[in-house]
Amino acid sequence: MEQLTWSGSFGAFLNPLMLVSVVIFIAGFIANTVLTIAGVRAGELEFSGDGTVSVSRTPLDYALMTMKYAVLLFVLCCLGYIVGGLVLPTTEAKGILGAMALRLLPVWIALITTFALSIYFKRKLGLYGKLFDSPIGMAGFALVMFWVFAAVFSGIFPLVPTHGAIDLISGMRNELPGMAIATPDEGEYPFYLLGGDNLGRDVFSRVFFGAADVLAITPVATLFAFMVGITLGLPAGYFGGTLDTVLTFIANLALAFPVILLFFLLVTPEIVAAGVPQYMSMVLFLFPIIFLVVLFNSRFHTDPTRRNIYVGIAAVVGFWAYFSLISNADDGDLPLIFRIWPEYLDGFDIAGNLLIVFVSVVFVNSPTVFRIVRGITLDVKTRDYVAAAQTRGEGPWYIMLWEILPNARGPLIVDFCLRIGYTTILLGTLGFFGLGVSPESPDWGSTINEGRRLLTIYPHPALPPALALMSLVLGLNLLADGLREESLKD
């Protein structure tokens, strides 16, 4: 079998069209820049005496229209490659882009279904539904959901990857994209779509397995950080005084600590043997339990039966998960306090490197979330509806969690999206420095680090994970911008 081309059979007419769209966009961009510098303004609406409305167009309007239609042509060409991957009969005819599009078919179906249902019911979906009134928000949501579905169909249902994350074929070391496997086993995918890395592993498969690793860690770690920040930030801003001073001082100390130094310290053998990451997890992982217990207790304090049920479930499930997280009876090197939880009750264990990454991310993000929540609380607690709740005799925690927090949801949701992006970059940075989940992990940072050693000779192992990381963070930033834009309209 011969090496696949990038565009396959459709490339004969799609490639020139794509090149034309790029040239037109660049020309429109240059014209737009020159006209703007020259002081040319966009056209305005003109109202005539008979009540009709017309638009007076200027050269700047035509330059912007040129850029818009160039982007549209480029997108249509990309859709053409996807269609080619679905309809052309052979892998050679599909090309690399078409073959990847076919492997991503479950992702396209899930993405189209999500958008169709969301747009149809958008008026009933609150802030999420309003997101589909914002082109920026929709673009960001599409990028984020692409990687979410890619992670689902790679980690949980492995339909996208063509090979295993650590499967080695020695003859495919540093092979170029589209190279065929010399003697594929029966049922084995016969091509490395994005080439092989320095060990002969499939780059395409590792990128999508890496997406599953990244998206299994970053949202949960960010959520934990938010629970820590909210649980401490609300009382600090609401009560003020000594409590506010002490908590703010501790947060500033944590923010002043160098992040990379913290990670290097946490992975040193002496620190790990002393159980420092476990001691940190003992403190940080308590906050979700405290948050949920206080949340249900304050909401149902007038209904003891429901309160006891909800608080009891939150406490039992929370402490079971808590002790399962921090304990590992099989690790004899840990201090005794982390091995007293009975093994038959230990629902799951977290690998040492994963626990260090998780604790580090929560520790780094929590102080910033604390400062944001504290600042919002200082502002919101002066509102009339808070005074009304105080007049009704509501308790402080009810006011904080059910009056102040819901009215601060807009900025917090936006920051949550941005912080997932920051955490994704942070996780990539850890992997790049060899502090990631595990040495053989396909997470993007580790893959980029392995590929950069031969970057000047074989750029293909490092570029796909770098582009994947960039596109996910870009999508999260655009999604946050869209949410911010729509939340300001409330």
Protein backbone atom coordinates (compact mmCIF):
# COMPACT_ATOMS: atom_id res chain seq x y z
CA MET A 1 0.00 0.00 0.00
CA GLU A 2 1.18 3.48 -0.86
CA GLN A 3 1.38 6.47 1.47
CA LEU A 4 -1.89 8.38 1.76
CA THR A 5 -2.13 11.93 0.46
CA TRP A 6 -3.62 14.59 2.71
CA SER A 7 -6.65 15.42 0.57
CA GLY A 8 -7.35 12.25 -1.41
CA SER A 9 -9.48 12.33 -4.55
CA PHE A 10 -11.36 15.49 -3.55
CA GLY A 11 -8.12 17.44 -3.31
CA ALA A 12 -8.00 18.03 -7.07
CA PHE A 13 -10.66 20.75 -6.79
CA LEU A 14 -10.88 21.44 -3.01
CA ASN A 15 -7.20 22.32 -2.59
CA PRO A 16 -7.27 25.17 -5.16
CA LEU A 17 -10.51 26.50 -3.66
CA MET A 18 -9.00 26.47 -0.18
CA LEU A 19 -5.90 28.26 -1.45
CA VAL A 20 -8.09 30.87 -3.17
CA SER A 21 -10.06 31.42 0.07
CA VAL A 22 -6.82 32.00 1.99
CA VAL A 23 -5.53 34.47 -0.60
CA ILE A 24 -8.86 36.34 -0.66
CA PHE A 25 -8.94 36.52 3.14
CA ILE A 26 -5.40 37.91 3.30
CA ALA A 27 -6.22 40.49 0.61
CA GLY A 28 -9.39 41.51 2.47
CA PHE A 29 -7.50 41.76 5.75
CA ILE A 30 -4.82 43.99 4.21
CA ALA A 31 -7.49 46.18 2.57
CA ASN A 32 -9.40 46.42 5.85
CA THR A 33 -6.23 47.43 7.74
CA VAL A 34 -5.24 50.07 5.17
CA LEU A 35 -8.76 51.56 5.00
CA THR A 36 -9.06 51.68 8.78
CA ILE A 37 -5.72 53.48 9.10
CA ALA A 38 -6.82 55.88 6.35
CA GLY A 39 -9.88 56.79 8.42
CA VAL A 40 -12.55 55.14 6.27
CA ARG A 41 -15.62 54.26 8.33
CA ALA A 42 -18.18 51.54 7.88
CA GLY A 43 -21.50 52.38 6.23
CA GLU A 44 -24.52 53.49 8.24
CA LEU A 45 -28.27 53.03 7.99
CA GLU A 46 -30.09 55.81 6.15
CA PHE A 47 -33.78 56.56 6.75
CA SER A 48 -35.69 58.13 3.85
CA GLY A 49 -38.79 60.30 4.06
CA ASP A 50 -41.13 57.49 2.94
CA GLY A 51 -40.07 55.29 5.86
CA THR A 52 -37.72 52.96 3.95
CA VAL A 53 -34.28 52.08 5.24
CA SER A 54 -31.14 51.70 3.12
CA VAL A 55 -27.51 51.02 3.84
CA SER A 56 -24.73 53.19 2.47
CA ARG A 57 -21.78 50.88 1.91
CA THR A 58 -18.17 52.02 1.92
CA PRO A 59 -15.02 50.23 0.74
CA LEU A 60 -14.48 49.09 4.34
CA ASP A 61 -17.80 47.20 4.25
CA TYR A 62 -16.77 45.42 1.06
CA ALA A 63 -13.41 44.47 2.59
CA LEU A 64 -15.18 42.97 5.60
CA MET A 65 -17.64 41.13 3.33
CA THR A 66 -14.70 39.73 1.36
CA MET A 67 -13.13 38.35 4.55
CA LYS A 68 -16.45 36.87 5.67
CA TYR A 69 -17.08 35.05 2.40
CA ALA A 70 -13.46 33.84 2.27
CA VAL A 71 -13.92 32.24 5.70
CA LEU A 72 -17.21 30.72 4.54
CA LEU A 73 -15.49 29.23 1.47
CA PHE A 74 -12.72 27.82 3.66
CA VAL A 75 -15.28 26.20 6.00
CA LEU A 76 -17.14 24.71 3.02
CA CYS A 77 -13.88 23.20 1.76
CA CYS A 78 -13.29 21.64 5.20
CA LEU A 79 -16.82 20.22 5.09
CA GLY A 80 -15.97 18.85 1.64
CA TYR A 81 -13.08 16.85 3.09
CA ILE A 82 -15.40 15.46 5.77
CA VAL A 83 -18.00 14.51 3.16
CA GLY A 84 -15.26 12.88 1.10
CA GLY A 85 -14.27 10.79 4.10
CA LEU A 86 -17.84 9.58 4.47
CA VAL A 87 -18.74 8.85 0.84
CA LEU A 88 -15.56 7.80 -0.97
CA PRO A 89 -15.11 4.02 -1.04
CA THR A 90 -11.41 3.46 -0.24
CA THR A 91 -8.99 4.88 2.31
CA GLU A 92 -6.63 5.88 -0.50
CA ALA A 93 -9.42 7.93 -2.13
CA LYS A 94 -10.39 9.52 1.18
CA GLY A 95 -6.87 10.69 1.99
CA ILE A 96 -5.62 11.46 5.47
CA LEU A 97 -8.21 14.18 6.15
CA GLY A 98 -11.08 12.05 4.86
CA ALA A 99 -9.94 8.99 6.80
CA MET A 100 -9.73 11.04 10.01
CA ALA A 101 -13.17 12.47 9.31
CA LEU A 102 -14.58 8.95 9.00
CA ARG A 103 -12.98 7.88 12.30
CA LEU A 104 -14.59 10.93 13.90
CA LEU A 105 -18.07 10.06 12.60
CA PRO A 106 -19.48 9.41 16.13
CA VAL A 107 -18.19 12.83 17.18
CA TRP A 108 -19.86 14.56 14.21
CA ILE A 109 -23.19 12.81 14.94
CA ALA A 110 -23.06 13.74 18.63
CA LEU A 111 -22.07 17.33 17.81
CA ILE A 112 -24.85 17.82 15.25
CA THR A 113 -27.44 16.27 17.58
CA THR A 114 -26.35 18.49 20.48
CA PHE A 115 -26.53 21.64 18.38
CA ALA A 116 -29.89 20.71 16.82
CA LEU A 117 -31.55 19.99 20.17
CA SER A 118 -29.96 22.99 21.87
CA ILE A 119 -31.04 25.44 19.15
CA TYR A 120 -34.56 23.97 19.04
CA PHE A 121 -35.06 24.27 22.82
CA LYS A 122 -32.82 27.29 23.41
CA ARG A 123 -35.64 29.50 24.74
CA LYS A 124 -36.22 26.99 27.55
CA LEU A 125 -32.57 26.50 28.53
CA GLY A 126 -31.77 29.77 30.31
CA LEU A 127 -28.24 31.11 29.96
CA TYR A 128 -27.14 27.99 28.09
CA GLY A 129 -29.84 28.56 25.50
CA LYS A 130 -28.88 32.22 25.12
CA LEU A 131 -25.39 31.06 24.23
CA PHE A 132 -26.73 30.10 20.80
CA ASP A 133 -27.58 33.73 20.09
CA SER A 134 -23.86 34.53 20.17
CA PRO A 135 -21.70 33.50 17.17
CA ILE A 136 -18.58 33.66 19.35
CA GLY A 137 -20.21 31.51 22.01
CA MET A 138 -21.39 28.97 19.45
CA ALA A 139 -17.91 28.69 17.93
CA GLY A 140 -16.36 28.18 21.34
CA PHE A 141 -19.03 25.68 22.34
CA ALA A 142 -18.45 23.73 19.11
CA LEU A 143 -14.70 23.47 19.75
CA VAL A 144 -15.16 22.46 23.38
CA MET A 145 -17.87 19.89 22.65
CA PHE A 146 -15.80 18.45 19.80
CA TRP A 147 -13.07 17.56 22.27
CA VAL A 148 -15.56 16.43 24.91
CA PHE A 149 -17.18 13.98 22.48
CA ALA A 150 -13.76 12.99 21.14
CA ALA A 151 -12.71 12.16 24.71
CA VAL A 152 -15.89 10.14 25.27
CA PHE A 153 -15.47 8.17 22.04
CA SER A 154 -11.79 7.58 22.78
CA GLY A 155 -11.63 6.90 26.51
CA ILE A 156 -15.01 5.33 27.30
CA PHE A 157 -16.05 4.03 23.87
CA PRO A 158 -12.79 3.66 21.86
CA LEU A 159 -14.32 4.24 18.42
CA VAL A 160 -12.05 7.07 17.23
CA PRO A 161 -8.47 5.80 17.81
CA THR A 162 -7.07 3.39 15.25
CA HIS A 163 -4.47 1.79 17.55
CA GLY A 164 -3.77 1.50 21.25
CA ALA A 165 -2.20 4.38 23.14
CA ILE A 166 0.98 2.40 23.90
CA ASP A 167 0.96 -0.10 21.01
CA LEU A 168 4.40 -0.18 19.37
CA ILE A 169 5.31 -1.06 15.80
CA SER A 170 9.07 -0.76 15.48
CA GLY A 171 8.93 -0.32 11.72
CA MET A 172 6.77 2.80 12.11
CA ARG A 173 9.21 4.85 14.20
CA ASN A 174 9.09 8.50 13.08
CA GLU A 175 7.17 7.55 9.94
CA LEU A 176 5.40 10.36 8.09
CA PRO A 177 1.61 10.89 8.17
CA GLY A 178 -0.38 8.49 6.02
CA MET A 179 2.26 5.74 5.96
CA ALA A 180 0.98 2.20 5.61
CA ILE A 181 1.94 -0.57 8.04
CA ALA A 182 4.12 -3.08 6.23
CA THR A 183 2.44 -6.24 7.54
CA PRO A 184 -0.71 -5.32 9.49
CA ASP A 185 -2.33 -8.02 11.61
CA GLU A 186 -5.81 -9.19 10.77
CA GLY A 187 -8.33 -6.53 11.74
CA GLU A 188 -5.61 -3.94 12.43
CA TYR A 189 -6.00 -0.48 10.90
CA PRO A 190 -3.43 -0.45 8.06
CA PHE A 191 -2.29 3.20 8.30
CA TYR A 192 -0.76 5.63 10.79
CA LEU A 193 -2.89 8.64 9.83
CA LEU A 194 -0.69 11.22 11.55
CA GLY A 195 2.51 9.22 11.46
CA GLY A 196 4.49 7.49 14.19
CA ASP A 197 6.46 8.89 17.12
CA ASN A 198 10.02 8.03 18.13
CA LEU A 199 8.88 4.73 19.67
CA GLY A 200 6.62 3.68 16.81
CA ARG A 201 3.29 4.61 18.43
CA ASP A 202 0.40 6.05 16.43
CA VAL A 203 0.27 9.84 16.88
CA PHE A 204 -3.39 10.10 15.80
CA SER A 205 -4.55 7.63 18.44
CA ARG A 206 -2.42 9.16 21.18
CA VAL A 207 -3.84 12.63 20.51
CA PHE A 208 -7.38 11.41 21.14
CA PHE A 209 -6.48 9.18 24.05
CA GLY A 210 -4.72 12.26 25.43
CA ALA A 211 -7.95 14.23 25.10
CA ALA A 212 -9.64 11.62 27.29
CA ASP A 213 -6.88 11.96 29.91
CA VAL A 214 -6.96 15.75 29.91
CA LEU A 215 -10.76 16.07 30.09
CA ALA A 216 -10.98 13.43 32.81
CA ILE A 217 -8.80 15.57 35.09
CA THR A 218 -9.23 19.28 34.35
CA PRO A 219 -13.02 19.78 34.85
CA VAL A 220 -13.10 17.76 38.10
CA ALA A 221 -9.99 19.44 39.49
CA THR A 222 -11.41 22.86 38.58
CA LEU A 223 -14.74 21.96 40.22
CA PHE A 224 -12.93 20.97 43.42
CA ALA A 225 -11.00 24.25 43.35
CA PHE A 226 -14.28 26.15 43.00
CA MET A 227 -15.80 24.34 45.97
CA VAL A 228 -12.78 25.27 48.08
CA GLY A 229 -12.85 28.88 46.90
CA ILE A 230 -16.61 29.28 47.33
CA THR A 231 -16.69 27.64 50.77
CA LEU A 232 -14.02 30.05 52.04
CA GLY A 233 -14.77 33.12 49.91
CA LEU A 234 -18.44 33.48 50.87
CA PRO A 235 -17.92 33.78 54.65
CA ALA A 236 -14.79 35.91 54.18
CA GLY A 237 -16.74 38.48 52.15
CA TYR A 238 -19.99 38.23 54.12
CA PHE A 239 -18.66 38.35 57.69
CA GLY A 240 -15.48 40.35 57.07
CA GLY A 241 -13.39 41.25 60.10
CA THR A 242 -10.73 38.92 61.44
CA LEU A 243 -11.98 35.94 59.45
CA ASP A 244 -11.62 37.87 56.21
CA THR A 245 -8.15 39.10 57.17
CA VAL A 246 -6.86 35.63 58.05
CA LEU A 247 -8.31 33.86 55.00
CA THR A 248 -7.13 36.59 52.64
CA PHE A 249 -3.62 36.41 54.11
CA ILE A 250 -3.52 32.62 53.61
CA ALA A 251 -4.77 33.00 50.02
CA ASN A 252 -2.10 35.61 49.29
CA LEU A 253 0.57 33.30 50.69
CA ALA A 254 -0.60 30.48 48.41
CA LEU A 255 -0.66 32.81 45.40
CA ALA A 256 2.86 34.01 46.16
CA PHE A 257 4.28 30.47 46.10
CA PRO A 258 5.97 29.64 42.74
CA VAL A 259 3.78 27.11 40.94
CA ILE A 260 6.48 25.13 39.14
CA LEU A 261 8.56 24.93 42.33
CA LEU A 262 5.54 23.49 44.12
CA PHE A 263 5.19 20.75 41.50
CA PHE A 264 8.87 19.88 41.61
CA LEU A 265 8.73 19.68 45.42
CA LEU A 266 5.65 17.45 45.43
CA VAL A 267 7.23 14.84 43.13
CA THR A 268 10.54 14.53 45.00
CA PRO A 269 10.88 11.05 46.60
CA GLU A 270 11.38 12.43 50.11
CA ILE A 271 8.23 14.57 49.95
CA VAL A 272 6.19 11.70 48.50
CA ALA A 273 7.51 9.27 51.15
CA ALA A 274 6.55 11.73 53.89
CA GLY A 275 2.98 11.72 52.55
CA VAL A 276 2.81 15.49 51.91
CA PRO A 277 0.51 15.14 48.84
CA GLN A 278 -1.79 12.92 50.92
CA TYR A 279 -1.83 15.42 53.79
CA MET A 280 -2.74 18.18 51.34
CA SER A 281 -5.48 15.98 49.86
CA MET A 282 -6.85 15.35 53.38
CA VAL A 283 -7.48 19.07 53.75
CA LEU A 284 -8.55 20.01 50.23
CA PHE A 285 -10.89 17.07 49.64
CA LEU A 286 -12.88 17.89 52.79
CA PHE A 287 -14.29 21.05 51.25
CA PRO A 288 -16.71 19.42 48.77
CA ILE A 289 -18.27 17.50 51.68
CA ILE A 290 -18.50 20.65 53.80
CA PHE A 291 -19.98 22.57 50.88
CA LEU A 292 -22.72 20.00 50.14
CA VAL A 293 -23.62 19.42 53.79
CA VAL A 294 -23.94 23.14 54.51
CA LEU A 295 -25.81 23.68 51.22
CA PHE A 296 -28.53 21.11 52.02
CA ASN A 297 -28.69 22.01 55.72
CA SER A 298 -29.24 25.70 55.00
CA ARG A 299 -31.82 25.03 52.27
CA PHE A 300 -33.97 22.54 54.18
CA HIS A 301 -33.48 23.73 57.75
CA THR A 302 -37.25 24.25 58.09
CA ASP A 303 -37.95 20.66 56.91
CA PRO A 304 -35.96 18.37 59.25
CA THR A 305 -36.96 15.14 57.49
CA ARG A 306 -35.73 16.17 54.04
CA ARG A 307 -32.72 17.91 55.55
CA ASN A 308 -31.64 14.76 57.39
CA ILE A 309 -32.03 12.64 54.24
CA TYR A 310 -30.06 14.98 51.98
CA VAL A 311 -27.39 15.76 54.57
CA GLY A 312 -27.05 12.08 55.46
CA ILE A 313 -26.62 11.01 51.83
CA ALA A 314 -24.10 13.79 51.18
CA ALA A 315 -22.13 12.91 54.32
CA VAL A 316 -22.12 9.11 53.84
CA VAL A 317 -21.28 9.16 50.13
CA GLY A 318 -18.90 12.08 50.58
CA PHE A 319 -16.87 10.51 53.38
CA TRP A 320 -16.76 7.13 51.61
CA ALA A 321 -15.35 8.83 48.53
CA TYR A 322 -13.10 10.98 50.71
CA PHE A 323 -11.44 8.06 52.50
CA SER A 324 -11.20 6.11 49.24
CA LEU A 325 -9.40 9.08 47.66
CA ILE A 326 -6.84 9.66 50.38
CA SER A 327 -6.16 6.06 51.44
CA ASN A 328 -4.26 3.27 49.74
CA ALA A 329 -3.86 0.17 51.88
CA ASP A 330 -1.61 -1.51 49.30
CA ASP A 331 1.09 1.16 49.49
CA GLY A 332 3.29 0.20 52.43
CA ASP A 333 5.47 3.31 52.00
CA LEU A 334 2.66 5.65 53.06
CA PRO A 335 2.22 6.74 56.70
CA LEU A 336 -0.13 4.53 58.73
CA ILE A 337 -2.90 7.16 58.79
CA PHE A 338 -3.40 6.65 55.03
CA ARG A 339 -3.70 2.86 55.36
CA ILE A 340 -6.27 2.49 58.15
CA TRP A 341 -9.31 2.59 55.82
CA PRO A 342 -10.42 -1.06 55.31
CA GLU A 343 -9.58 -2.40 51.87
CA TYR A 344 -13.09 -3.80 51.33
CA LEU A 345 -14.49 -0.25 51.71
CA ASP A 346 -11.83 1.33 49.49
CA GLY A 347 -13.84 1.95 46.34
CA PHE A 348 -10.95 3.23 44.23
CA ASP A 349 -7.36 4.36 44.42
CA ILE A 350 -5.65 7.24 42.64
CA ALA A 351 -2.18 6.66 41.27
CA GLY A 352 0.51 8.68 43.02
CA ASN A 353 1.30 10.94 40.07
CA LEU A 354 -2.37 11.59 39.36
CA LEU A 355 -3.00 12.50 43.00
CA ILE A 356 -0.07 14.94 42.93
CA VAL A 357 -1.36 16.57 39.74
CA PHE A 358 -4.89 16.77 41.12
CA VAL A 359 -3.83 18.25 44.48
CA SER A 360 -1.49 20.71 42.80
CA VAL A 361 -4.16 21.99 40.42
CA VAL A 362 -6.70 22.43 43.24
CA PHE A 363 -4.13 24.16 45.45
CA VAL A 364 -3.08 26.57 42.70
CA ASN A 365 -6.60 27.51 41.54
CA SER A 366 -8.39 27.75 44.91
CA PRO A 367 -6.87 31.06 46.11
CA THR A 368 -7.81 32.85 42.88
CA VAL A 369 -11.38 31.53 43.07
CA PHE A 370 -11.48 32.60 46.73
CA ARG A 371 -10.55 36.18 45.81
CA ILE A 372 -13.17 36.32 43.04
CA VAL A 373 -15.95 34.96 45.28
CA ARG A 374 -14.93 37.25 48.14
CA GLY A 375 -15.02 40.32 45.89
CA ILE A 376 -18.44 39.40 44.46
CA THR A 377 -19.80 38.77 47.96
CA LEU A 378 -18.59 42.15 49.20
CA ASP A 379 -20.56 43.77 46.38
CA VAL A 380 -23.71 41.63 46.41
CA LYS A 381 -24.24 41.60 50.20
CA THR A 382 -25.25 45.28 50.05
CA ARG A 383 -28.20 44.56 47.68
CA ASP A 384 -31.82 44.95 48.74
CA TYR A 385 -32.72 41.27 48.37
CA VAL A 386 -29.99 40.35 50.86
CA ALA A 387 -31.39 42.88 53.31
CA ALA A 388 -34.86 41.41 52.72
CA ALA A 389 -33.58 37.90 53.52
CA GLN A 390 -31.96 39.20 56.70
CA THR A 391 -35.25 40.85 57.65
CA ARG A 392 -37.07 37.52 57.17
CA GLY A 393 -34.68 36.01 59.70
CA GLU A 394 -32.76 33.77 57.31
CA GLY A 395 -29.45 32.39 58.55
CA PRO A 396 -26.09 33.60 57.22
CA TRP A 397 -25.33 30.42 55.27
CA TYR A 398 -28.76 30.44 53.64
CA ILE A 399 -28.19 34.01 52.51
CA MET A 400 -24.70 33.23 51.26
CA LEU A 401 -25.57 30.02 49.37
CA TRP A 402 -29.12 30.72 48.22
CA GLU A 403 -29.22 34.50 47.81
CA ILE A 404 -25.69 35.71 47.04
CA LEU A 405 -24.23 32.70 45.19
CA PRO A 406 -27.04 32.31 42.59
CA ASN A 407 -26.79 36.00 41.75
CA ALA A 408 -23.04 35.63 41.24
CA ARG A 409 -23.41 32.70 38.85
CA GLY A 410 -22.65 34.69 35.67
CA PRO A 411 -19.08 35.75 36.55
CA LEU A 412 -18.39 32.39 38.20
CA ILE A 413 -19.52 30.36 35.16
CA VAL A 414 -17.37 32.51 32.90
CA ASP A 415 -14.38 32.10 35.21
CA PHE A 416 -15.01 28.36 35.43
CA CYS A 417 -14.67 28.05 31.65
CA LEU A 418 -11.52 30.17 31.62
CA ARG A 419 -10.04 28.26 34.55
CA ILE A 420 -10.55 24.92 32.79
CA GLY A 421 -8.47 26.42 29.98
CA TYR A 422 -5.77 27.53 32.41
CA THR A 423 -5.81 24.10 34.03
CA THR A 424 -5.47 22.43 30.63
CA ILE A 425 -2.38 24.55 29.92
CA LEU A 426 -1.07 23.80 33.41
CA LEU A 427 -1.55 20.07 32.90
CA GLY A 428 0.25 20.32 29.56
CA THR A 429 3.08 22.21 31.26
CA LEU A 430 3.40 19.50 33.91
CA GLY A 431 3.51 16.80 31.27
CA PHE A 432 6.10 18.77 29.28
CA PHE A 433 8.37 18.92 32.33
CA GLY A 434 7.86 15.22 33.04
CA LEU A 435 5.62 15.85 36.06
CA GLY A 436 2.44 14.57 34.45
CA VAL A 437 0.24 11.60 35.16
CA SER A 438 2.71 8.85 34.15
CA PRO A 439 5.71 8.53 31.79
CA GLU A 440 3.75 6.51 29.20
CA SER A 441 0.63 8.67 29.43
CA PRO A 442 -0.66 10.05 26.12
CA ASP A 443 -1.58 13.40 27.71
CA TRP A 444 -0.75 16.26 25.39
CA GLY A 445 2.05 17.79 27.44
CA SER A 446 3.98 14.51 27.64
CA THR A 447 3.44 13.86 23.92
CA ILE A 448 4.69 17.34 22.99
CA ASN A 449 7.74 16.84 25.20
CA GLU A 450 8.58 13.54 23.53
CA GLY A 451 8.06 14.96 20.04
CA ARG A 452 10.07 18.15 20.52
CA ARG A 453 13.37 16.26 20.72
CA LEU A 454 13.29 15.64 16.97
CA LEU A 455 11.16 18.66 16.09
CA THR A 456 13.47 20.04 13.40
CA ILE A 457 13.57 16.66 11.59
CA TYR A 458 10.18 15.08 12.36
CA PRO A 459 7.66 17.78 13.37
CA HIS A 460 4.58 15.58 12.99
CA PRO A 461 4.67 13.89 16.46
CA ALA A 462 4.65 17.22 18.35
CA LEU A 463 2.36 19.39 16.22
CA PRO A 464 -0.98 17.50 16.53
CA PRO A 465 -1.08 17.52 20.36
CA ALA A 466 0.06 21.16 20.39
CA LEU A 467 -2.74 22.12 17.98
CA ALA A 468 -5.22 20.07 20.02
CA LEU A 469 -4.23 21.88 23.21
CA MET A 470 -4.45 25.25 21.45
CA SER A 471 -7.88 24.53 19.96
CA LEU A 472 -9.38 23.37 23.27
CA VAL A 473 -8.10 26.42 25.16
CA LEU A 474 -9.27 28.70 22.33
CA GLY A 475 -12.71 27.10 22.47
CA LEU A 476 -12.93 27.60 26.23
CA ASN A 477 -11.93 31.26 25.88
CA LEU A 478 -14.51 31.85 23.13
CA LEU A 479 -17.14 30.02 25.18
CA ALA A 480 -16.33 32.23 28.18
CA ASP A 481 -16.61 35.35 26.00
CA GLY A 482 -19.99 34.21 24.70
CA LEU A 483 -21.26 33.46 28.20
CA ARG A 484 -20.01 36.82 29.45
CA GLU A 485 -21.71 38.60 26.55
CA GLU A 486 -25.04 36.88 27.20
CA SER A 487 -24.89 37.14 31.00
CA LEU A 488 -24.50 40.93 30.73
CA LYS A 489 -27.85 41.05 28.92
CA ASP A 490 -29.69 39.55 31.89
